[in-house]
Amino acid sequence: MSKNVVILKHTHNLGACHLGQILENNGFNVNSLGVPIMDIDTFDSLEPDLLLIMGAPVGIYQADDFPFIHKERSFIKARIDKNKPTLGICFGAQIIASALGAKVYLGDKGREIGWHRLTLTGEGKKHSVRHLDGSKTNMFHWHGDTFDLPDGATLLASSDRYRQAFSYGKNILGFQCHTEIGDIRLQEWYVANVSDITGSNPIVPIKELRKQSGEYVEQLNIQTEKFLVEWLESVGLL
């Protein structure tokens, strides 16, 4: 019997990308909800077998300006309370942390953009996240916000600047970094975030970013599939 995954999207270019393809290849029925333009209150957060929460160009701390964040956080909290399998990427990890009572804020070490390897904790080396260790693949980053580790959560991985992956129990997992990224989606990101990568003082020059992506994205996709399949097995969805 096929499983159902719902993907919470906040903009068109921040979708599930390679994660969605892996899920489809493993028999999942994949459905997306555009959170800012849909009333999330009309959906049952407990219905999907898996909830996947993607990135957003806004911060959790901007909820008063973007009220959908308040509703989405409550939606996710209800799911966490029932220990339903949930995976958050970037904003998705931040809103999981917020739903668990942790602070989310603008990082004090600057925006982290480009390819930087993960360093796993001891617990991370025992988790399916081990497939994303810096010895096996480089990792893609595009963020400026960070979060405190929620009470009861387990830190799995960090970069040189920020926390990057944590679990809460067996079924809840968050990534600050972008394990989902693929080459086609990167081309959209370059255009959508042109001010970060061009001009007189780019955070990372676009030519350098393109070169790095050409070297690293294929291996990341390989390791991401190993990670995701093993994690899905661990939470009983494969």
Foldseek 3Di string as FASTA:
>chain_A
DAFEEEEEDADDLWGLALVVVLNVVVRYDYHYDHQQVDDCVVDQLQPGLEYEYTDDPDALVCCVVRVSLVVVLVSVLVNVVVLRAYEYEANGQVSNQVSLPKDKFFFPVAWDFAWFFKDFDPVLCVALVVLRHRVQAIFGATDGMAIDHHVQKAQTIDTPGYGAKIAHPLRYIYGNTCLSDDDVSVVVVCVVPVQQADDDDHVHHPVVRVVRCVVGRVSSSVSSSSSVVVSCVSSPND
